[in-house]
Amino acid sequence: MVIWENGLFGQSRLQYIDASLSLNQPVGFFGRKVPNLRAGGQLGFLSQLSPGSPVLIGGELSYFSLGRRRARLLEWIDFREVEVDYSTTSSMLGMAAKCRFYPGVHAHNVDVFLEAFAGAKWLFTHTTATLTEQTDVSDGFFEQGSLSPSYGAAAGLHLMISETFFVQSRLQYLPGLSTRYYIPAEGSQAVTSSLDLFRLTSSTTDVLRFDLGIFIKLENQNHDGSN
């Protein structure tokens, strides 16, 4: 039985949330800059296009880190020398609208789905500074932020556990246009902050991503066929 037929009440549209842990492999020019596999996460929402339809529309957020560096430096503050701990993280936050289609390919409790995406990746770098002797005294600021318009496609599988709960796996390819971002720089030395341990670069932002997580049908508030 395909999943959009499970638990339908009258003509109600169904809504779902999905959440996954992800493995992200930058590819192409992006892979040359960021060669290692990156762990991240994803959270999304989907709603049927119309009652009983195998087409769902919605959106999602995804995240993974491009690298983190720390440094402890001596600085003059209020006419005395103090130690300051710096921490800089370069990150990618994905924001996308998505459309999911169930072609009716299924066996036992497993269903196949296809997805298309359109949105953007926000590549940003953030630094925090904390006094070593007073950890409750800290400051944070953004160093860099830029958008990479993005799109993509995916294929995935659902394993039905119950009428409202599914285990989901998905493979995505998410190209992105060129933008600027910070990556860790080998052999560099921190002089003014931990940002000195990064270098600013630019490239396209193509990512191959594998997700493994859950897909949950939200409870209907009414069963009389009204939306």
N, C-alpha and C. Protein backbone atom coordinates (compact mmCIF):
# COMPACT_ATOMS: atom_id res chain seq x y z
N MET A 1 0.86 -1.19 0.00
CA MET A 1 0.00 0.00 0.00
C MET A 1 0.89 1.24 0.00
N VAL A 2 0.71 2.15 -0.91
CA VAL A 2 1.55 3.34 -1.00
C VAL A 2 1.21 4.27 0.15
N ILE A 3 2.17 5.08 0.58
CA ILE A 3 2.02 5.79 1.84
C ILE A 3 0.94 6.85 1.80
N TRP A 4 0.65 7.48 0.63
CA TRP A 4 -0.37 8.53 0.65
C TRP A 4 -1.78 7.98 0.79
N GLU A 5 -1.92 6.67 0.70
CA GLU A 5 -3.23 6.06 0.93
C GLU A 5 -3.44 5.68 2.38
N ASN A 6 -2.39 5.71 3.18
CA ASN A 6 -2.51 5.26 4.56
C ASN A 6 -3.16 6.32 5.42
N GLY A 7 -4.27 6.00 6.07
CA GLY A 7 -4.86 6.89 7.04
C GLY A 7 -5.55 8.11 6.49
N LEU A 8 -5.93 8.13 5.21
CA LEU A 8 -6.67 9.27 4.67
C LEU A 8 -8.05 9.35 5.30
N PHE A 9 -8.46 10.55 5.67
CA PHE A 9 -9.77 10.76 6.26
C PHE A 9 -10.57 11.67 5.35
N GLY A 10 -11.63 11.17 4.73
CA GLY A 10 -12.44 11.99 3.83
C GLY A 10 -11.60 12.57 2.73
N GLN A 11 -11.70 13.89 2.56
CA GLN A 11 -10.94 14.58 1.52
C GLN A 11 -9.82 15.43 2.10
N SER A 12 -9.38 15.09 3.33
CA SER A 12 -8.35 15.89 4.00
C SER A 12 -7.01 15.82 3.27
N ARG A 13 -6.32 16.95 3.23
CA ARG A 13 -4.93 16.95 2.78
C ARG A 13 -4.06 16.54 3.96
N LEU A 14 -2.98 15.81 3.66
CA LEU A 14 -2.08 15.35 4.70
C LEU A 14 -0.83 16.22 4.75
N GLN A 15 -0.31 16.42 5.94
CA GLN A 15 0.94 17.15 6.15
C GLN A 15 1.94 16.25 6.84
N TYR A 16 3.20 16.47 6.51
CA TYR A 16 4.27 15.64 7.04
C TYR A 16 5.45 16.52 7.46
N ILE A 17 6.23 16.00 8.39
CA ILE A 17 7.55 16.56 8.68
C ILE A 17 8.58 15.47 8.45
N ASP A 18 9.77 15.86 8.02
CA ASP A 18 10.85 14.90 7.90
C ASP A 18 12.12 15.49 8.48
N ALA A 19 12.90 14.66 9.13
CA ALA A 19 14.15 15.07 9.75
C ALA A 19 15.19 13.99 9.51
N SER A 20 16.41 14.41 9.18
CA SER A 20 17.45 13.43 8.82
C SER A 20 18.81 13.88 9.31
N LEU A 21 19.66 12.92 9.57
CA LEU A 21 21.09 13.15 9.64
C LEU A 21 21.65 12.95 8.23
N SER A 22 22.67 13.72 7.88
CA SER A 22 23.15 13.69 6.50
C SER A 22 24.67 13.59 6.43
N LEU A 23 25.13 12.99 5.35
CA LEU A 23 26.54 12.99 4.97
C LEU A 23 26.65 13.79 3.69
N ASN A 24 27.47 14.84 3.70
CA ASN A 24 27.57 15.78 2.59
C ASN A 24 28.97 15.70 1.98
N GLN A 25 29.01 15.41 0.68
CA GLN A 25 30.28 15.35 -0.03
C GLN A 25 30.33 16.47 -1.07
N PRO A 26 31.10 17.55 -0.80
CA PRO A 26 31.28 18.57 -1.84
C PRO A 26 31.92 17.94 -3.08
N VAL A 27 31.46 18.34 -4.26
CA VAL A 27 31.96 17.77 -5.51
C VAL A 27 32.34 18.90 -6.46
N GLY A 28 33.04 18.54 -7.54
CA GLY A 28 33.47 19.54 -8.52
C GLY A 28 34.49 20.50 -7.94
N PHE A 29 34.40 21.77 -8.30
CA PHE A 29 35.32 22.78 -7.79
C PHE A 29 35.17 22.94 -6.28
N PHE A 30 33.95 22.79 -5.78
CA PHE A 30 33.72 22.86 -4.35
C PHE A 30 34.44 21.73 -3.62
N GLY A 31 34.46 20.55 -4.23
CA GLY A 31 35.16 19.42 -3.64
C GLY A 31 36.67 19.61 -3.58
N ARG A 32 37.22 20.40 -4.49
CA ARG A 32 38.66 20.69 -4.44
C ARG A 32 38.98 21.62 -3.28
N LYS A 33 38.06 22.49 -2.93
CA LYS A 33 38.26 23.42 -1.82
C LYS A 33 37.95 22.75 -0.48
N VAL A 34 36.89 21.93 -0.47
CA VAL A 34 36.43 21.26 0.76
C VAL A 34 36.37 19.76 0.45
N PRO A 35 37.49 19.06 0.56
CA PRO A 35 37.55 17.68 0.04
C PRO A 35 36.92 16.62 0.93
N ASN A 36 36.70 16.89 2.19
CA ASN A 36 36.29 15.84 3.11
C ASN A 36 34.78 15.73 3.24
N LEU A 37 34.32 14.52 3.58
CA LEU A 37 32.92 14.26 3.86
C LEU A 37 32.51 15.01 5.11
N ARG A 38 31.32 15.64 5.08
CA ARG A 38 30.85 16.46 6.20
C ARG A 38 29.52 15.95 6.74
N ALA A 39 29.43 15.84 8.06
CA ALA A 39 28.18 15.44 8.69
C ALA A 39 27.30 16.67 8.91
N GLY A 40 25.99 16.47 8.79
CA GLY A 40 25.06 17.59 8.99
C GLY A 40 23.68 17.09 9.32
N GLY A 41 22.69 17.95 9.10
CA GLY A 41 21.32 17.60 9.41
C GLY A 41 20.34 18.34 8.51
N GLN A 42 19.08 17.88 8.52
CA GLN A 42 18.03 18.42 7.65
C GLN A 42 16.70 18.34 8.36
N LEU A 43 15.85 19.37 8.17
CA LEU A 43 14.49 19.39 8.71
C LEU A 43 13.56 19.96 7.64
N GLY A 44 12.43 19.27 7.39
CA GLY A 44 11.54 19.72 6.31
C GLY A 44 10.08 19.55 6.66
N PHE A 45 9.24 20.18 5.83
CA PHE A 45 7.79 20.10 5.96
C PHE A 45 7.19 19.88 4.58
N LEU A 46 6.17 19.01 4.48
CA LEU A 46 5.53 18.72 3.21
C LEU A 46 4.02 18.65 3.39
N SER A 47 3.28 19.06 2.35
CA SER A 47 1.83 18.99 2.35
C SER A 47 1.37 18.49 0.99
N GLN A 48 0.32 17.65 0.98
CA GLN A 48 -0.22 17.18 -0.29
C GLN A 48 -0.70 18.35 -1.14
N LEU A 49 -0.43 18.26 -2.44
CA LEU A 49 -0.88 19.30 -3.36
C LEU A 49 -2.40 19.38 -3.39
N SER A 50 -3.04 18.25 -3.32
CA SER A 50 -4.50 18.17 -3.26
C SER A 50 -4.85 16.87 -2.56
N PRO A 51 -6.08 16.73 -2.03
CA PRO A 51 -6.44 15.51 -1.31
C PRO A 51 -6.23 14.25 -2.15
N GLY A 52 -5.55 13.27 -1.57
CA GLY A 52 -5.30 12.01 -2.26
C GLY A 52 -4.22 12.03 -3.30
N SER A 53 -3.54 13.20 -3.49
CA SER A 53 -2.54 13.34 -4.55
C SER A 53 -1.23 12.68 -4.16
N PRO A 54 -0.49 12.09 -5.11
CA PRO A 54 0.86 11.57 -4.85
C PRO A 54 1.93 12.66 -4.93
N VAL A 55 1.53 13.93 -5.09
CA VAL A 55 2.46 15.06 -5.17
C VAL A 55 2.39 15.85 -3.87
N LEU A 56 3.54 16.11 -3.27
CA LEU A 56 3.64 16.90 -2.05
C LEU A 56 4.54 18.09 -2.33
N ILE A 57 4.24 19.22 -1.70
CA ILE A 57 5.08 20.42 -1.82
C ILE A 57 5.42 20.93 -0.44
N GLY A 58 6.55 21.59 -0.32
CA GLY A 58 6.96 22.12 0.98
C GLY A 58 8.32 22.76 0.91
N GLY A 59 9.05 22.68 2.00
CA GLY A 59 10.37 23.29 2.07
C GLY A 59 11.23 22.60 3.12
N GLU A 60 12.52 22.95 3.12
CA GLU A 60 13.42 22.35 4.10
C GLU A 60 14.62 23.24 4.37
N LEU A 61 15.23 23.00 5.52
CA LEU A 61 16.49 23.61 5.91
C LEU A 61 17.51 22.50 6.12
N SER A 62 18.75 22.76 5.73
CA SER A 62 19.82 21.79 5.95
C SER A 62 21.07 22.55 6.40
N TYR A 63 21.97 21.84 7.09
CA TYR A 63 23.16 22.50 7.63
C TYR A 63 24.34 21.54 7.68
N PHE A 64 25.54 22.07 7.40
CA PHE A 64 26.76 21.38 7.77
C PHE A 64 27.90 22.40 7.85
N SER A 65 28.94 22.03 8.58
CA SER A 65 30.07 22.92 8.83
C SER A 65 31.18 22.68 7.81
N LEU A 66 31.80 23.76 7.36
CA LEU A 66 32.96 23.68 6.47
C LEU A 66 34.26 23.61 7.25
N GLY A 67 34.21 23.89 8.54
CA GLY A 67 35.41 23.82 9.35
C GLY A 67 35.34 24.76 10.54
N ARG A 68 36.07 24.40 11.59
CA ARG A 68 36.11 25.21 12.81
C ARG A 68 37.54 25.29 13.31
N ARG A 69 37.95 26.47 13.78
CA ARG A 69 39.28 26.66 14.33
C ARG A 69 39.19 27.51 15.60
N ARG A 70 40.13 27.22 16.55
CA ARG A 70 40.18 27.96 17.81
C ARG A 70 41.56 28.54 18.00
N ALA A 71 41.63 29.62 18.78
CA ALA A 71 42.92 30.23 19.10
C ALA A 71 42.80 30.97 20.43
N ARG A 72 43.87 30.92 21.23
CA ARG A 72 43.95 31.68 22.48
C ARG A 72 45.03 32.75 22.32
N LEU A 73 44.63 34.00 22.47
CA LEU A 73 45.53 35.12 22.25
C LEU A 73 45.58 36.03 23.46
N LEU A 74 46.70 36.76 23.63
CA LEU A 74 46.84 37.76 24.67
C LEU A 74 46.45 39.12 24.11
N GLU A 75 45.60 39.85 24.83
CA GLU A 75 45.16 41.16 24.39
C GLU A 75 45.14 42.12 25.57
N TRP A 76 45.28 43.44 25.23
CA TRP A 76 45.18 44.48 26.25
C TRP A 76 43.73 44.96 26.30
N ILE A 77 43.10 44.74 27.48
CA ILE A 77 41.72 45.19 27.69
C ILE A 77 41.66 45.88 29.05
N ASP A 78 41.15 47.11 29.06
CA ASP A 78 41.06 47.91 30.30
C ASP A 78 42.41 48.04 30.98
N PHE A 79 43.43 48.30 30.17
CA PHE A 79 44.79 48.59 30.63
C PHE A 79 45.47 47.40 31.31
N ARG A 80 45.05 46.19 30.93
CA ARG A 80 45.75 45.01 31.44
C ARG A 80 45.71 43.91 30.39
N GLU A 81 46.68 43.01 30.48
CA GLU A 81 46.81 41.93 29.52
C GLU A 81 45.95 40.74 29.97
N VAL A 82 45.07 40.28 29.09
CA VAL A 82 44.19 39.15 29.40
C VAL A 82 44.22 38.14 28.25
N GLU A 83 43.84 36.91 28.58
CA GLU A 83 43.74 35.87 27.56
C GLU A 83 42.33 35.86 26.99
N VAL A 84 42.23 35.76 25.66
CA VAL A 84 40.94 35.71 24.97
C VAL A 84 40.90 34.45 24.11
N ASP A 85 39.84 33.66 24.30
CA ASP A 85 39.64 32.47 23.48
C ASP A 85 38.75 32.82 22.28
N TYR A 86 39.29 32.58 21.08
CA TYR A 86 38.53 32.82 19.84
C TYR A 86 38.12 31.48 19.22
N SER A 87 36.93 31.48 18.62
CA SER A 87 36.45 30.30 17.90
C SER A 87 35.72 30.77 16.65
N THR A 88 36.14 30.27 15.50
CA THR A 88 35.54 30.65 14.22
C THR A 88 35.01 29.39 13.53
N THR A 89 33.77 29.48 13.05
CA THR A 89 33.15 28.37 12.32
C THR A 89 32.64 28.86 10.98
N SER A 90 32.99 28.15 9.92
CA SER A 90 32.47 28.42 8.59
C SER A 90 31.40 27.37 8.29
N SER A 91 30.23 27.80 7.82
CA SER A 91 29.08 26.91 7.72
C SER A 91 28.34 27.09 6.41
N MET A 92 27.53 26.08 6.09
CA MET A 92 26.61 26.16 4.96
C MET A 92 25.20 25.85 5.45
N LEU A 93 24.27 26.78 5.23
CA LEU A 93 22.87 26.59 5.55
C LEU A 93 22.08 26.56 4.25
N GLY A 94 21.42 25.43 3.98
CA GLY A 94 20.62 25.31 2.77
C GLY A 94 19.16 25.63 3.04
N MET A 95 18.53 26.38 2.14
CA MET A 95 17.12 26.75 2.24
C MET A 95 16.48 26.48 0.88
N ALA A 96 15.47 25.62 0.85
CA ALA A 96 14.92 25.22 -0.45
C ALA A 96 13.44 24.92 -0.37
N ALA A 97 12.72 25.29 -1.43
CA ALA A 97 11.38 24.78 -1.67
C ALA A 97 11.53 23.44 -2.38
N LYS A 98 10.63 22.50 -2.11
CA LYS A 98 10.78 21.19 -2.73
C LYS A 98 9.42 20.62 -3.14
N CYS A 99 9.47 19.77 -4.14
CA CYS A 99 8.29 19.06 -4.63
C CYS A 99 8.62 17.58 -4.65
N ARG A 100 7.77 16.77 -4.02
CA ARG A 100 7.99 15.33 -3.93
C ARG A 100 6.88 14.59 -4.68
N PHE A 101 7.28 13.56 -5.42
CA PHE A 101 6.33 12.77 -6.20
C PHE A 101 6.53 11.29 -5.91
N TYR A 102 5.43 10.60 -5.66
CA TYR A 102 5.44 9.15 -5.47
C TYR A 102 4.91 8.49 -6.73
N PRO A 103 5.79 7.84 -7.51
CA PRO A 103 5.36 7.27 -8.79
C PRO A 103 4.58 5.96 -8.66
N GLY A 104 4.36 5.49 -7.44
CA GLY A 104 3.61 4.24 -7.27
C GLY A 104 4.47 3.01 -7.33
N VAL A 105 5.80 3.19 -7.19
CA VAL A 105 6.72 2.06 -7.17
C VAL A 105 6.89 1.63 -5.72
N HIS A 106 6.43 0.46 -5.37
CA HIS A 106 6.48 0.02 -3.99
C HIS A 106 6.48 -1.51 -3.92
N ALA A 107 7.02 -1.99 -2.80
CA ALA A 107 7.02 -3.43 -2.54
C ALA A 107 6.93 -3.63 -1.04
N HIS A 108 5.92 -4.38 -0.62
CA HIS A 108 5.70 -4.62 0.80
C HIS A 108 5.55 -3.26 1.52
N ASN A 109 6.46 -2.94 2.44
CA ASN A 109 6.36 -1.69 3.20
C ASN A 109 7.33 -0.61 2.70
N VAL A 110 7.86 -0.78 1.51
CA VAL A 110 8.84 0.17 0.97
C VAL A 110 8.24 0.92 -0.21
N ASP A 111 8.37 2.26 -0.21
CA ASP A 111 7.91 3.11 -1.29
C ASP A 111 9.05 3.95 -1.84
N VAL A 112 9.01 4.22 -3.13
CA VAL A 112 9.99 5.06 -3.81
C VAL A 112 9.42 6.45 -4.02
N PHE A 113 10.25 7.49 -3.85
CA PHE A 113 9.82 8.85 -4.16
C PHE A 113 10.93 9.61 -4.88
N LEU A 114 10.53 10.63 -5.62
CA LEU A 114 11.44 11.52 -6.34
C LEU A 114 11.21 12.95 -5.87
N GLU A 115 12.26 13.78 -5.87
CA GLU A 115 12.13 15.17 -5.41
C GLU A 115 12.87 16.12 -6.33
N ALA A 116 12.38 17.36 -6.38
CA ALA A 116 13.07 18.46 -7.06
C ALA A 116 13.17 19.63 -6.08
N PHE A 117 14.27 20.39 -6.16
CA PHE A 117 14.55 21.47 -5.21
C PHE A 117 14.88 22.75 -5.95
N ALA A 118 14.56 23.88 -5.32
CA ALA A 118 14.99 25.20 -5.80
C ALA A 118 15.13 26.10 -4.58
N GLY A 119 16.27 26.77 -4.47
CA GLY A 119 16.48 27.62 -3.31
C GLY A 119 17.85 28.25 -3.32
N ALA A 120 18.51 28.27 -2.17
CA ALA A 120 19.83 28.89 -2.06
C ALA A 120 20.59 28.27 -0.91
N LYS A 121 21.91 28.34 -1.01
CA LYS A 121 22.80 27.98 0.09
C LYS A 121 23.40 29.27 0.64
N TRP A 122 23.33 29.43 1.96
CA TRP A 122 23.94 30.58 2.62
C TRP A 122 25.23 30.11 3.26
N LEU A 123 26.36 30.59 2.76
CA LEU A 123 27.66 30.26 3.32
C LEU A 123 28.10 31.42 4.21
N PHE A 124 28.28 31.14 5.49
CA PHE A 124 28.58 32.22 6.42
C PHE A 124 29.65 31.78 7.42
N THR A 125 30.33 32.77 7.98
CA THR A 125 31.40 32.52 8.94
C THR A 125 31.14 33.36 10.18
N HIS A 126 31.24 32.74 11.35
CA HIS A 126 30.93 33.40 12.61
C HIS A 126 32.07 33.18 13.60
N THR A 127 32.42 34.23 14.33
CA THR A 127 33.49 34.17 15.33
C THR A 127 32.95 34.58 16.69
N THR A 128 33.35 33.85 17.73
CA THR A 128 33.05 34.25 19.10
C THR A 128 34.37 34.50 19.83
N ALA A 129 34.35 35.47 20.74
CA ALA A 129 35.50 35.79 21.57
C ALA A 129 35.06 35.75 23.03
N THR A 130 35.79 34.99 23.86
CA THR A 130 35.43 34.80 25.26
C THR A 130 36.65 35.05 26.14
N LEU A 131 36.48 35.83 27.21
CA LEU A 131 37.56 36.03 28.17
C LEU A 131 37.83 34.72 28.91
N THR A 132 39.10 34.29 28.93
CA THR A 132 39.44 33.01 29.54
C THR A 132 39.09 32.99 31.02
N GLU A 133 39.32 34.10 31.71
CA GLU A 133 39.08 34.15 33.16
C GLU A 133 37.64 34.47 33.51
N GLN A 134 36.83 34.86 32.52
CA GLN A 134 35.42 35.16 32.74
C GLN A 134 34.63 34.60 31.56
N THR A 135 34.28 33.31 31.63
CA THR A 135 33.65 32.65 30.49
C THR A 135 32.25 33.18 30.19
N ASP A 136 31.66 33.92 31.13
CA ASP A 136 30.34 34.50 30.87
C ASP A 136 30.43 35.82 30.12
N VAL A 137 31.65 36.29 29.87
CA VAL A 137 31.87 37.53 29.11
C VAL A 137 32.34 37.14 27.71
N SER A 138 31.47 37.30 26.72
CA SER A 138 31.83 36.90 25.36
C SER A 138 31.15 37.81 24.35
N ASP A 139 31.62 37.74 23.13
CA ASP A 139 31.05 38.53 22.04
C ASP A 139 31.08 37.67 20.79
N GLY A 140 30.11 37.88 19.90
CA GLY A 140 30.06 37.12 18.66
C GLY A 140 29.73 38.03 17.49
N PHE A 141 30.27 37.70 16.32
CA PHE A 141 30.04 38.53 15.15
C PHE A 141 30.24 37.72 13.87
N PHE A 142 29.50 38.10 12.83
CA PHE A 142 29.61 37.46 11.53
C PHE A 142 30.77 38.07 10.76
N GLU A 143 31.59 37.21 10.18
CA GLU A 143 32.74 37.67 9.39
C GLU A 143 32.39 37.79 7.91
N GLN A 144 31.54 36.87 7.43
CA GLN A 144 31.26 36.81 6.00
C GLN A 144 29.96 36.06 5.78
N GLY A 145 29.18 36.49 4.81
CA GLY A 145 27.97 35.78 4.45
C GLY A 145 27.64 36.03 2.99
N SER A 146 27.33 34.96 2.25
CA SER A 146 27.00 35.11 0.84
C SER A 146 26.05 34.00 0.42
N LEU A 147 25.23 34.30 -0.58
CA LEU A 147 24.23 33.34 -1.07
C LEU A 147 24.69 32.69 -2.37
N SER A 148 24.39 31.41 -2.49
CA SER A 148 24.63 30.67 -3.71
C SER A 148 23.30 30.10 -4.18
N PRO A 149 22.66 30.72 -5.21
CA PRO A 149 21.41 30.14 -5.74
C PRO A 149 21.62 28.67 -6.09
N SER A 150 20.65 27.83 -5.71
CA SER A 150 20.85 26.39 -5.80
C SER A 150 19.58 25.69 -6.28
N TYR A 151 19.77 24.49 -6.76
CA TYR A 151 18.66 23.67 -7.23
C TYR A 151 19.11 22.21 -7.07
N GLY A 152 18.27 21.25 -7.48
CA GLY A 152 18.71 19.88 -7.36
C GLY A 152 17.60 18.87 -7.50
N ALA A 153 17.97 17.61 -7.35
CA ALA A 153 17.04 16.50 -7.48
C ALA A 153 17.46 15.39 -6.53
N ALA A 154 16.50 14.52 -6.20
CA ALA A 154 16.77 13.44 -5.26
C ALA A 154 15.90 12.24 -5.58
N ALA A 155 16.35 11.08 -5.13
CA ALA A 155 15.55 9.85 -5.15
C ALA A 155 15.68 9.22 -3.77
N GLY A 156 14.56 8.66 -3.28
CA GLY A 156 14.60 8.11 -1.94
C GLY A 156 13.65 6.95 -1.74
N LEU A 157 13.74 6.38 -0.54
CA LEU A 157 12.92 5.23 -0.16
C LEU A 157 12.31 5.48 1.22
N HIS A 158 11.10 4.96 1.40
CA HIS A 158 10.45 4.96 2.70
C HIS A 158 10.23 3.52 3.15
N LEU A 159 10.52 3.26 4.42
CA LEU A 159 10.15 2.00 5.05
C LEU A 159 9.06 2.30 6.06
N MET A 160 7.87 1.75 5.83
CA MET A 160 6.73 2.01 6.68
C MET A 160 6.84 1.25 8.00
N ILE A 161 6.84 1.96 9.12
CA ILE A 161 6.84 1.36 10.44
C ILE A 161 5.42 1.31 10.99
N SER A 162 4.67 2.39 10.77
CA SER A 162 3.25 2.45 11.13
C SER A 162 2.58 3.40 10.14
N GLU A 163 1.27 3.64 10.30
CA GLU A 163 0.57 4.52 9.36
C GLU A 163 0.99 5.98 9.50
N THR A 164 1.69 6.32 10.56
CA THR A 164 2.12 7.70 10.76
C THR A 164 3.64 7.85 10.84
N PHE A 165 4.40 6.77 10.82
CA PHE A 165 5.84 6.85 11.04
C PHE A 165 6.58 6.01 10.00
N PHE A 166 7.59 6.63 9.36
CA PHE A 166 8.37 5.97 8.32
C PHE A 166 9.85 6.25 8.54
N VAL A 167 10.69 5.30 8.19
CA VAL A 167 12.13 5.53 8.10
C VAL A 167 12.44 5.93 6.67
N GLN A 168 13.22 6.98 6.50
CA GLN A 168 13.45 7.57 5.18
C GLN A 168 14.94 7.60 4.85
N SER A 169 15.30 7.23 3.62
CA SER A 169 16.65 7.42 3.12
C SER A 169 16.56 8.12 1.77
N ARG A 170 17.58 8.91 1.45
CA ARG A 170 17.50 9.74 0.25
C ARG A 170 18.89 10.10 -0.22
N LEU A 171 19.08 10.11 -1.55
CA LEU A 171 20.32 10.56 -2.16
C LEU A 171 20.01 11.79 -3.00
N GLN A 172 20.73 12.90 -2.75
CA GLN A 172 20.47 14.17 -3.42
C GLN A 172 21.70 14.68 -4.14
N TYR A 173 21.47 15.34 -5.26
CA TYR A 173 22.53 16.10 -5.93
C TYR A 173 22.06 17.55 -5.99
N LEU A 174 22.87 18.46 -5.38
CA LEU A 174 22.45 19.85 -5.18
C LEU A 174 23.51 20.81 -5.72
N PRO A 175 23.46 21.14 -7.02
CA PRO A 175 24.40 22.12 -7.57
C PRO A 175 24.10 23.52 -7.03
N GLY A 176 25.10 24.39 -7.07
CA GLY A 176 24.93 25.77 -6.64
C GLY A 176 25.87 26.68 -7.39
N LEU A 177 25.44 27.94 -7.61
CA LEU A 177 26.26 28.89 -8.34
C LEU A 177 27.43 29.38 -7.49
N SER A 178 28.41 29.99 -8.16
CA SER A 178 29.64 30.39 -7.49
C SER A 178 29.40 31.50 -6.47
N THR A 179 30.11 31.40 -5.34
CA THR A 179 30.05 32.43 -4.30
C THR A 179 31.34 32.39 -3.49
N ARG A 180 31.48 33.33 -2.54
CA ARG A 180 32.69 33.41 -1.72
C ARG A 180 32.42 32.83 -0.33
N TYR A 181 33.44 32.22 0.27
CA TYR A 181 33.29 31.63 1.59
C TYR A 181 34.68 31.38 2.18
N TYR A 182 34.74 31.18 3.48
CA TYR A 182 35.98 30.89 4.17
C TYR A 182 36.16 29.39 4.37
N ILE A 183 37.41 28.92 4.22
CA ILE A 183 37.77 27.54 4.53
C ILE A 183 39.03 27.55 5.37
N PRO A 184 39.26 26.53 6.21
CA PRO A 184 40.50 26.47 7.00
C PRO A 184 41.73 26.51 6.11
N ALA A 185 42.73 27.25 6.56
CA ALA A 185 43.99 27.41 5.81
C ALA A 185 45.10 26.68 6.54
N GLU A 186 45.71 25.71 5.89
CA GLU A 186 46.80 24.95 6.50
C GLU A 186 48.05 25.83 6.62
N GLY A 187 48.75 25.69 7.75
CA GLY A 187 50.01 26.41 7.95
C GLY A 187 49.85 27.85 8.36
N SER A 188 48.66 28.32 8.61
CA SER A 188 48.44 29.71 8.99
C SER A 188 48.60 29.86 10.50
N GLN A 189 48.71 31.10 10.95
CA GLN A 189 48.92 31.39 12.36
C GLN A 189 47.95 32.48 12.80
N ALA A 190 47.37 32.30 13.98
CA ALA A 190 46.43 33.29 14.51
C ALA A 190 47.20 34.47 15.09
N VAL A 191 46.88 35.67 14.63
CA VAL A 191 47.53 36.89 15.11
C VAL A 191 46.51 37.80 15.80
N THR A 192 45.38 38.02 15.14
CA THR A 192 44.35 38.91 15.70
C THR A 192 43.10 38.16 16.16
N SER A 193 42.82 37.00 15.55
CA SER A 193 41.69 36.17 15.96
C SER A 193 41.81 34.81 15.26
N SER A 194 40.88 33.91 15.57
CA SER A 194 40.90 32.59 14.92
C SER A 194 40.54 32.68 13.44
N LEU A 195 39.99 33.81 12.98
CA LEU A 195 39.72 33.98 11.55
C LEU A 195 41.01 33.94 10.74
N ASP A 196 42.14 34.26 11.37
CA ASP A 196 43.43 34.21 10.67
C ASP A 196 43.77 32.79 10.23
N LEU A 197 43.09 31.80 10.79
CA LEU A 197 43.35 30.40 10.44
C LEU A 197 42.51 29.95 9.26
N PHE A 198 41.79 30.88 8.63
CA PHE A 198 40.98 30.61 7.45
C PHE A 198 41.48 31.45 6.28
N ARG A 199 41.06 31.05 5.08
CA ARG A 199 41.31 31.88 3.90
C ARG A 199 40.01 32.01 3.11
N LEU A 200 39.84 33.17 2.49
CA LEU A 200 38.65 33.45 1.70
C LEU A 200 38.85 32.92 0.28
N THR A 201 37.88 32.17 -0.21
CA THR A 201 37.98 31.59 -1.54
C THR A 201 36.62 31.67 -2.22
N SER A 202 36.51 31.15 -3.42
CA SER A 202 35.23 31.16 -4.13
C SER A 202 35.18 29.97 -5.08
N SER A 203 33.97 29.47 -5.32
CA SER A 203 33.74 28.39 -6.26
C SER A 203 32.25 28.15 -6.35
N THR A 204 31.86 27.24 -7.25
CA THR A 204 30.50 26.73 -7.22
C THR A 204 30.32 25.91 -5.94
N THR A 205 29.07 25.54 -5.62
CA THR A 205 28.81 24.89 -4.33
C THR A 205 28.05 23.57 -4.51
N ASP A 206 28.50 22.75 -5.44
CA ASP A 206 27.83 21.48 -5.72
C ASP A 206 28.05 20.48 -4.58
N VAL A 207 26.97 19.83 -4.15
CA VAL A 207 27.03 18.88 -3.03
C VAL A 207 26.26 17.62 -3.38
N LEU A 208 26.85 16.47 -3.07
CA LEU A 208 26.17 15.18 -3.11
C LEU A 208 25.86 14.81 -1.68
N ARG A 209 24.57 14.56 -1.37
CA ARG A 209 24.16 14.38 0.02
C ARG A 209 23.35 13.10 0.20
N PHE A 210 23.68 12.36 1.26
CA PHE A 210 22.89 11.19 1.64
C PHE A 210 22.23 11.44 2.97
N ASP A 211 20.92 11.25 3.04
CA ASP A 211 20.14 11.46 4.27
C ASP A 211 19.61 10.14 4.78
N LEU A 212 19.56 10.02 6.09
CA LEU A 212 18.89 8.90 6.75
C LEU A 212 18.15 9.45 7.95
N GLY A 213 16.82 9.27 7.96
CA GLY A 213 16.05 9.86 9.05
C GLY A 213 14.64 9.33 9.13
N ILE A 214 13.73 10.21 9.53
CA ILE A 214 12.34 9.82 9.77
C ILE A 214 11.39 10.72 8.98
N PHE A 215 10.20 10.19 8.73
CA PHE A 215 9.14 10.89 8.00
C PHE A 215 7.86 10.63 8.78
N ILE A 216 7.20 11.70 9.27
CA ILE A 216 6.09 11.55 10.20
C ILE A 216 4.86 12.27 9.65
N LYS A 217 3.73 11.56 9.62
CA LYS A 217 2.47 12.17 9.23
C LYS A 217 1.88 12.89 10.43
N LEU A 218 1.52 14.17 10.24
CA LEU A 218 0.90 14.93 11.31
C LEU A 218 -0.56 14.53 11.47
N GLU A 219 -1.05 14.59 12.68
CA GLU A 219 -2.43 14.21 12.93
C GLU A 219 -3.39 15.20 12.31
N ASN A 220 -4.47 14.70 11.66
CA ASN A 220 -5.52 15.56 11.14
C ASN A 220 -6.34 16.11 12.28
N GLN A 221 -6.70 17.40 12.17
CA GLN A 221 -7.52 18.03 13.19
C GLN A 221 -9.00 17.81 12.99
N ASN A 222 -9.42 17.46 11.72
CA ASN A 222 -10.81 17.14 11.47
C ASN A 222 -10.88 16.03 10.44
N HIS A 223 -11.93 15.24 10.51
CA HIS A 223 -12.07 14.07 9.65
C HIS A 223 -13.31 14.16 8.78
N ASP A 224 -13.86 15.35 8.63
CA ASP A 224 -15.13 15.46 7.94
C ASP A 224 -14.98 15.89 6.49
N GLY A 225 -13.73 15.92 6.01
CA GLY A 225 -13.51 16.29 4.62
C GLY A 225 -13.19 17.74 4.41
N SER A 226 -13.25 18.57 5.47
CA SER A 226 -12.88 19.98 5.33
C SER A 226 -11.42 20.15 5.59
N ASN A 227 -10.80 21.22 5.02
CA ASN A 227 -9.36 21.44 5.17
C ASN A 227 -9.11 22.38 6.34
